[in-house]
Amino acid sequence: MTRVTQLLVAASVVLLAVVLTAQGQGLDPSAILKPLSDSWPTYSGDYSGKRYSSLTQINQSTVKHLSLAWVSKVTAGPGNMGGGRGGFGGFSGGGSPVIIGGEGTGEIGGGGTSIRASILQVNGVLYLSTPDNAWAMDARDGRELWHYYWKTRGGTHIGNRGLGMWNNYLYMETPDNYLVSLEAKTGKERWHKVIASFEAQYFSTPAPVVVGNHVLV
């Protein structure tokens, strides 16, 4: 069956002045080499793998002021269902461009579609993924900017750990063993390449890591 699943993405904020601009200007590769400041540009944050941010706005004194900022619903599958704003000031699918790619029919026998990815945040835009799906969302209010759906050949769908980013391009792995490159601003597919044998029952879940001009998968 074709899996169409609705997922919730929630965000909380400190009640202090925060400026986020959803410009989607792309990622300077050198930013990954620097201590994390106002972005989360790769899996684990940076190459250290520490998953540590030096931001100080949330601390022992301000954590009590955290409150829910928005909740948005994203729909995994070939099309968004519903539309409009969701609860808590968020959005509920619909209205954004849906880009469809893939080499199969989209039929899967089962597996997980929950969000298990390390969500990227670059220039006020969130980039998240599940198996066969990628989204861009405005970090300020949860508005969905675009949704990419990969029509899979099948395979094991147990999770997806996230996206890689280089300049204005995103990279994702699919359960049926393709590396897919997308335009970060529009979600339009640039190309896809086989990275392992589907017939030999390999399946791909990691987040690609960009080092220099190379994508590690």
C-alpha atoms as a PDB file:
ATOM      1  CA  MET A   1       0.000   0.000   0.000  1.00  0.00           C
ATOM      2  CA  THR A   2       1.035   3.584  -0.463  1.00  0.00           C
ATOM      3  CA  ARG A   3       1.837   5.050   2.926  1.00  0.00           C
ATOM      4  CA  VAL A   4       0.332   8.466   3.678  1.00  0.00           C
ATOM      5  CA  THR A   5       1.131   9.555   7.213  1.00  0.00           C
ATOM      6  CA  GLN A   6       0.600  12.795   9.069  1.00  0.00           C
ATOM      7  CA  LEU A   7       3.307  13.865  11.501  1.00  0.00           C
ATOM      8  CA  LEU A   8       3.574  16.702  13.986  1.00  0.00           C
ATOM      9  CA  VAL A   9       6.507  19.067  14.332  1.00  0.00           C
ATOM     10  CA  ALA A  10       6.606  21.237  17.455  1.00  0.00           C
ATOM     11  CA  ALA A  11       8.817  24.159  18.422  1.00  0.00           C
ATOM     12  CA  SER A  12       9.347  25.980  21.701  1.00  0.00           C
ATOM     13  CA  VAL A  13      10.966  29.340  22.325  1.00  0.00           C
ATOM     14  CA  VAL A  14      12.346  31.419  25.157  1.00  0.00           C
ATOM     15  CA  LEU A  15      10.234  34.505  25.682  1.00  0.00           C
ATOM     16  CA  LEU A  16      13.075  36.818  24.758  1.00  0.00           C
ATOM     17  CA  ALA A  17      13.828  38.693  21.558  1.00  0.00           C
ATOM     18  CA  VAL A  18      14.591  36.230  18.760  1.00  0.00           C
ATOM     19  CA  VAL A  19      15.113  37.217  15.127  1.00  0.00           C
ATOM     20  CA  LEU A  20      14.681  34.524  12.475  1.00  0.00           C
ATOM     21  CA  THR A  21      14.503  35.310   8.780  1.00  0.00           C
ATOM     22  CA  ALA A  22      13.444  32.520   6.451  1.00  0.00           C
ATOM     23  CA  GLN A  23      15.648  33.510   3.550  1.00  0.00           C
ATOM     24  CA  GLY A  24      16.921  30.094   2.493  1.00  0.00           C
ATOM     25  CA  GLN A  25      20.192  31.578   1.247  1.00  0.00           C
ATOM     26  CA  GLY A  26      22.103  28.318   1.452  1.00  0.00           C
ATOM     27  CA  LEU A  27      24.949  27.083   3.610  1.00  0.00           C
ATOM     28  CA  ASP A  28      28.537  28.275   3.463  1.00  0.00           C
ATOM     29  CA  PRO A  29      30.490  24.981   3.780  1.00  0.00           C
ATOM     30  CA  SER A  30      33.018  26.669   6.091  1.00  0.00           C
ATOM     31  CA  ALA A  31      30.233  27.254   8.642  1.00  0.00           C
ATOM     32  CA  ILE A  32      30.379  23.584   9.643  1.00  0.00           C
ATOM     33  CA  LEU A  33      34.003  24.065  10.739  1.00  0.00           C
ATOM     34  CA  LYS A  34      33.104  26.859  13.162  1.00  0.00           C
ATOM     35  CA  PRO A  35      31.565  26.590  16.657  1.00  0.00           C
ATOM     36  CA  LEU A  36      27.773  26.460  16.424  1.00  0.00           C
ATOM     37  CA  SER A  37      26.142  29.847  16.891  1.00  0.00           C
ATOM     38  CA  ASP A  38      22.776  30.438  15.254  1.00  0.00           C
ATOM     39  CA  SER A  39      22.394  27.378  13.026  1.00  0.00           C
ATOM     40  CA  TRP A  40      22.448  23.572  12.991  1.00  0.00           C
ATOM     41  CA  PRO A  41      23.918  22.884   9.549  1.00  0.00           C
ATOM     42  CA  THR A  42      24.686  19.161   9.603  1.00  0.00           C
ATOM     43  CA  TYR A  43      23.957  15.907  11.423  1.00  0.00           C
ATOM     44  CA  SER A  44      25.062  16.255  15.080  1.00  0.00           C
ATOM     45  CA  GLY A  45      25.516  20.008  14.473  1.00  0.00           C
ATOM     46  CA  ASP A  46      29.146  19.951  13.364  1.00  0.00           C
ATOM     47  CA  TYR A  47      31.987  17.542  12.640  1.00  0.00           C
ATOM     48  CA  SER A  48      32.788  17.062  16.342  1.00  0.00           C
ATOM     49  CA  GLY A  49      29.626  15.019  16.827  1.00  0.00           C
ATOM     50  CA  LYS A  50      29.117  16.563  20.274  1.00  0.00           C
ATOM     51  CA  ARG A  51      25.646  17.936  19.467  1.00  0.00           C
ATOM     52  CA  TYR A  52      26.511  20.972  21.574  1.00  0.00           C
ATOM     53  CA  SER A  53      25.540  24.574  20.883  1.00  0.00           C
ATOM     54  CA  SER A  54      27.272  27.550  22.492  1.00  0.00           C
ATOM     55  CA  LEU A  55      24.055  29.591  22.457  1.00  0.00           C
ATOM     56  CA  THR A  56      23.317  31.073  25.879  1.00  0.00           C
ATOM     57  CA  GLN A  57      19.764  32.385  25.459  1.00  0.00           C
ATOM     58  CA  ILE A  58      18.381  29.229  27.077  1.00  0.00           C
ATOM     59  CA  ASN A  59      20.045  28.747  30.459  1.00  0.00           C
ATOM     60  CA  GLN A  60      19.176  27.962  34.080  1.00  0.00           C
ATOM     61  CA  SER A  61      17.561  31.366  34.513  1.00  0.00           C
ATOM     62  CA  THR A  62      15.514  31.497  31.308  1.00  0.00           C
ATOM     63  CA  VAL A  63      14.441  27.882  30.809  1.00  0.00           C
ATOM     64  CA  LYS A  64      11.345  28.478  32.962  1.00  0.00           C
ATOM     65  CA  HIS A  65      10.105  30.938  30.331  1.00  0.00           C
ATOM     66  CA  LEU A  66       9.977  28.341  27.552  1.00  0.00           C
ATOM     67  CA  SER A  67       6.540  27.980  26.015  1.00  0.00           C
ATOM     68  CA  LEU A  68       5.060  26.336  22.953  1.00  0.00           C
ATOM     69  CA  ALA A  69       5.475  28.564  19.901  1.00  0.00           C
ATOM     70  CA  TRP A  70       3.790  26.456  17.220  1.00  0.00           C
ATOM     71  CA  VAL A  71       2.834  22.942  16.154  1.00  0.00           C
ATOM     72  CA  SER A  72       2.654  22.018  12.472  1.00  0.00           C
ATOM     73  CA  LYS A  73       1.462  18.875  10.758  1.00  0.00           C
ATOM     74  CA  VAL A  74       3.368  17.423   7.819  1.00  0.00           C
ATOM     75  CA  THR A  75       1.984  14.694   5.584  1.00  0.00           C
ATOM     76  CA  ALA A  76       4.280  11.946   4.324  1.00  0.00           C
ATOM     77  CA  GLY A  77       3.266  10.602   0.939  1.00  0.00           C
ATOM     78  CA  PRO A  78       2.500  11.816  -2.575  1.00  0.00           C
ATOM     79  CA  GLY A  79       0.348  14.776  -1.563  1.00  0.00           C
ATOM     80  CA  ASN A  80      -0.612  17.009   1.334  1.00  0.00           C
ATOM     81  CA  MET A  81      -3.986  16.454   2.943  1.00  0.00           C
ATOM     82  CA  GLY A  82      -5.914  19.184   4.658  1.00  0.00           C
ATOM     83  CA  GLY A  83      -4.496  22.668   4.839  1.00  0.00           C
ATOM     84  CA  GLY A  84      -4.574  25.885   6.777  1.00  0.00           C
ATOM     85  CA  ARG A  85      -3.283  26.612  10.232  1.00  0.00           C
ATOM     86  CA  GLY A  86      -2.956  23.929  12.869  1.00  0.00           C
ATOM     87  CA  GLY A  87      -3.173  24.296  16.611  1.00  0.00           C
ATOM     88  CA  PHE A  88      -0.915  26.562  18.674  1.00  0.00           C
ATOM     89  CA  GLY A  89      -0.359  28.945  15.775  1.00  0.00           C
ATOM     90  CA  GLY A  90       1.139  26.345  13.450  1.00  0.00           C
ATOM     91  CA  PHE A  91       0.114  25.039  10.056  1.00  0.00           C
ATOM     92  CA  SER A  92      -1.483  21.805   8.890  1.00  0.00           C
ATOM     93  CA  GLY A  93      -0.057  20.609   5.563  1.00  0.00           C
ATOM     94  CA  GLY A  94      -1.413  21.805   2.219  1.00  0.00           C
ATOM     95  CA  GLY A  95      -0.617  24.856   0.173  1.00  0.00           C
ATOM     96  CA  SER A  96       3.076  24.202  -0.440  1.00  0.00           C
ATOM     97  CA  PRO A  97       4.607  22.760  -3.627  1.00  0.00           C
ATOM     98  CA  VAL A  98       4.870  18.955  -3.674  1.00  0.00           C
ATOM     99  CA  ILE A  99       7.722  17.652  -5.818  1.00  0.00           C
ATOM    100  CA  ILE A 100       7.577  13.954  -6.750  1.00  0.00           C
ATOM    101  CA  GLY A 101      10.557  11.880  -7.846  1.00  0.00           C
ATOM    102  CA  GLY A 102      11.598   8.268  -7.647  1.00  0.00           C
ATOM    103  CA  GLU A 103      12.108   5.099  -9.653  1.00  0.00           C
ATOM    104  CA  GLY A 104       9.268   3.018  -8.231  1.00  0.00           C
ATOM    105  CA  THR A 105       5.544   2.995  -7.530  1.00  0.00           C
ATOM    106  CA  GLY A 106       5.688   4.164  -3.930  1.00  0.00           C
ATOM    107  CA  GLU A 107       4.283   0.866  -2.673  1.00  0.00           C
ATOM    108  CA  ILE A 108       5.744  -0.291   0.648  1.00  0.00           C
ATOM    109  CA  GLY A 109       4.789  -3.188   2.852  1.00  0.00           C
ATOM    110  CA  GLY A 110       5.427  -1.484   6.162  1.00  0.00           C
ATOM    111  CA  GLY A 111       7.975   0.327   8.250  1.00  0.00           C
ATOM    112  CA  GLY A 112       8.375   3.516  10.214  1.00  0.00           C
ATOM    113  CA  THR A 113       7.546   7.010   9.036  1.00  0.00           C
ATOM    114  CA  SER A 114       8.115   8.852  12.310  1.00  0.00           C
ATOM    115  CA  ILE A 115      10.566  11.755  12.339  1.00  0.00           C
ATOM    116  CA  ARG A 116      13.884  10.327  13.517  1.00  0.00           C
ATOM    117  CA  ALA A 117      16.032  12.853  11.700  1.00  0.00           C
ATOM    118  CA  SER A 118      18.431  15.460  13.013  1.00  0.00           C
ATOM    119  CA  ILE A 119      16.576  18.572  11.813  1.00  0.00           C
ATOM    120  CA  LEU A 120      18.794  21.146  10.101  1.00  0.00           C
ATOM    121  CA  GLN A 121      18.318  24.885  10.710  1.00  0.00           C
ATOM    122  CA  VAL A 122      20.010  27.224   8.244  1.00  0.00           C
ATOM    123  CA  ASN A 123      19.084  30.883   7.707  1.00  0.00           C
ATOM    124  CA  GLY A 124      15.750  30.541   9.463  1.00  0.00           C
ATOM    125  CA  VAL A 125      14.628  27.459   7.529  1.00  0.00           C
ATOM    126  CA  LEU A 126      14.154  23.978   9.012  1.00  0.00           C
ATOM    127  CA  TYR A 127      14.957  20.961   6.831  1.00  0.00           C
ATOM    128  CA  LEU A 128      13.588  17.607   8.007  1.00  0.00           C
ATOM    129  CA  SER A 129      13.001  14.151   6.601  1.00  0.00           C
ATOM    130  CA  THR A 130      11.388  10.744   6.984  1.00  0.00           C
ATOM    131  CA  PRO A 131      11.908   7.746   4.680  1.00  0.00           C
ATOM    132  CA  ASP A 132      11.076   8.912   1.117  1.00  0.00           C
ATOM    133  CA  ASN A 133      10.167  12.460   2.238  1.00  0.00           C
ATOM    134  CA  ALA A 134      11.878  15.811   2.816  1.00  0.00           C
ATOM    135  CA  TRP A 135      10.415  19.163   3.884  1.00  0.00           C
ATOM    136  CA  ALA A 136      11.462  22.771   4.277  1.00  0.00           C
ATOM    137  CA  MET A 137       9.630  24.802   6.932  1.00  0.00           C
ATOM    138  CA  ASP A 138       9.760  28.395   8.138  1.00  0.00           C
ATOM    139  CA  ALA A 139      11.342  28.223  11.603  1.00  0.00           C
ATOM    140  CA  ARG A 140       9.345  31.244  12.755  1.00  0.00           C
ATOM    141  CA  ASP A 141       5.859  29.794  12.408  1.00  0.00           C
ATOM    142  CA  GLY A 142       6.110  26.242  11.039  1.00  0.00           C
ATOM    143  CA  ARG A 143       4.806  27.147   7.589  1.00  0.00           C
ATOM    144  CA  GLU A 144       5.645  24.424   5.073  1.00  0.00           C
ATOM    145  CA  LEU A 145       7.687  25.840   2.184  1.00  0.00           C
ATOM    146  CA  TRP A 146       7.916  22.706   0.071  1.00  0.00           C
ATOM    147  CA  HIS A 147       7.633  18.913   0.300  1.00  0.00           C
ATOM    148  CA  TYR A 148       9.633  16.382  -1.733  1.00  0.00           C
ATOM    149  CA  TYR A 149       8.312  12.824  -2.078  1.00  0.00           C
ATOM    150  CA  TRP A 150      10.350   9.916  -3.455  1.00  0.00           C
ATOM    151  CA  LYS A 151       8.344   7.078  -5.078  1.00  0.00           C
ATOM    152  CA  THR A 152      10.259   4.123  -3.701  1.00  0.00           C
ATOM    153  CA  ARG A 153      10.870   0.706  -5.204  1.00  0.00           C
ATOM    154  CA  GLY A 154      10.247  -0.722  -1.739  1.00  0.00           C
ATOM    155  CA  GLY A 155      12.767  -1.905   0.816  1.00  0.00           C
ATOM    156  CA  THR A 156      13.066  -1.542   4.569  1.00  0.00           C
ATOM    157  CA  HIS A 157      11.575   1.702   5.887  1.00  0.00           C
ATOM    158  CA  ILE A 158      12.818   1.895   9.471  1.00  0.00           C
ATOM    159  CA  GLY A 159      13.828   5.548   9.619  1.00  0.00           C
ATOM    160  CA  ASN A 160      15.847   8.336   8.078  1.00  0.00           C
ATOM    161  CA  ARG A 161      18.497  10.242  10.025  1.00  0.00           C
ATOM    162  CA  GLY A 162      18.337  13.504   8.122  1.00  0.00           C
ATOM    163  CA  LEU A 163      19.686  15.552   5.251  1.00  0.00           C
ATOM    164  CA  GLY A 164      23.084  16.868   4.241  1.00  0.00           C
ATOM    165  CA  MET A 165      23.576  20.403   2.926  1.00  0.00           C
ATOM    166  CA  TRP A 166      26.198  22.141   0.769  1.00  0.00           C
ATOM    167  CA  ASN A 167      25.708  25.711  -0.454  1.00  0.00           C
ATOM    168  CA  ASN A 168      22.180  25.792  -1.946  1.00  0.00           C
ATOM    169  CA  TYR A 169      21.795  22.025  -2.267  1.00  0.00           C
ATOM    170  CA  LEU A 170      20.393  19.270  -0.048  1.00  0.00           C
ATOM    171  CA  TYR A 171      21.228  15.555  -0.113  1.00  0.00           C
ATOM    172  CA  MET A 172      19.135  12.646   1.144  1.00  0.00           C
ATOM    173  CA  GLU A 173      19.380   8.866   1.077  1.00  0.00           C
ATOM    174  CA  THR A 174      16.363   6.718   0.250  1.00  0.00           C
ATOM    175  CA  PRO A 175      15.485   3.260   1.615  1.00  0.00           C
ATOM    176  CA  ASP A 176      15.855   1.798  -1.895  1.00  0.00           C
ATOM    177  CA  ASN A 177      19.462   3.013  -2.066  1.00  0.00           C
ATOM    178  CA  TYR A 178      19.532   6.257  -4.001  1.00  0.00           C
ATOM    179  CA  LEU A 179      21.341   9.472  -3.158  1.00  0.00           C
ATOM    180  CA  VAL A 180      19.061  12.363  -4.147  1.00  0.00           C
ATOM    181  CA  SER A 181      20.119  15.996  -4.533  1.00  0.00           C
ATOM    182  CA  LEU A 182      17.545  18.789  -4.154  1.00  0.00           C
ATOM    183  CA  GLU A 183      17.545  22.556  -4.520  1.00  0.00           C
ATOM    184  CA  ALA A 184      17.241  23.893  -0.971  1.00  0.00           C
ATOM    185  CA  LYS A 185      15.065  26.851  -1.961  1.00  0.00           C
ATOM    186  CA  THR A 186      12.476  25.008  -4.047  1.00  0.00           C
ATOM    187  CA  GLY A 187      12.818  21.292  -3.247  1.00  0.00           C
ATOM    188  CA  LYS A 188      13.269  20.596  -6.963  1.00  0.00           C
ATOM    189  CA  GLU A 189      15.270  17.448  -7.681  1.00  0.00           C
ATOM    190  CA  ARG A 190      18.656  18.018  -9.325  1.00  0.00           C
ATOM    191  CA  TRP A 191      19.665  14.390  -9.774  1.00  0.00           C
ATOM    192  CA  HIS A 192      19.655  10.943  -8.134  1.00  0.00           C
ATOM    193  CA  LYS A 193      22.291   8.192  -8.152  1.00  0.00           C
ATOM    194  CA  VAL A 194      22.324   4.538  -7.075  1.00  0.00           C
ATOM    195  CA  ILE A 195      24.596   4.039  -4.034  1.00  0.00           C
ATOM    196  CA  ALA A 196      23.998   0.340  -3.227  1.00  0.00           C
ATOM    197  CA  SER A 197      22.292  -2.729  -4.641  1.00  0.00           C
ATOM    198  CA  PHE A 198      18.568  -2.851  -3.953  1.00  0.00           C
ATOM    199  CA  GLU A 199      18.412  -6.409  -5.263  1.00  0.00           C
ATOM    200  CA  ALA A 200      20.996  -7.485  -2.645  1.00  0.00           C
ATOM    201  CA  GLN A 201      18.596  -6.134   0.024  1.00  0.00           C
ATOM    202  CA  TYR A 202      20.732  -3.243   1.184  1.00  0.00           C
ATOM    203  CA  PHE A 203      18.827  -0.249   2.532  1.00  0.00           C
ATOM    204  CA  SER A 204      19.977   3.299   3.311  1.00  0.00           C
ATOM    205  CA  THR A 205      19.057   5.362   6.391  1.00  0.00           C
ATOM    206  CA  PRO A 206      21.998   7.678   7.362  1.00  0.00           C
ATOM    207  CA  ALA A 207      22.153  11.433   6.934  1.00  0.00           C
ATOM    208  CA  PRO A 208      24.728  12.306   4.258  1.00  0.00           C
ATOM    209  CA  VAL A 209      27.715  14.265   5.566  1.00  0.00           C
ATOM    210  CA  VAL A 210      29.356  16.894   3.378  1.00  0.00           C
ATOM    211  CA  VAL A 211      33.138  17.315   3.725  1.00  0.00           C
ATOM    212  CA  GLY A 212      34.691  19.848   1.394  1.00  0.00           C
ATOM    213  CA  ASN A 213      33.243  19.150  -2.045  1.00  0.00           C
ATOM    214  CA  HIS A 214      32.401  15.539  -1.246  1.00  0.00           C
ATOM    215  CA  VAL A 215      29.213  13.885   0.028  1.00  0.00           C
ATOM    216  CA  LEU A 216      29.797  10.891   2.318  1.00  0.00           C
ATOM    217  CA  VAL A 217      27.039   8.261   2.364  1.00  0.00           C
END
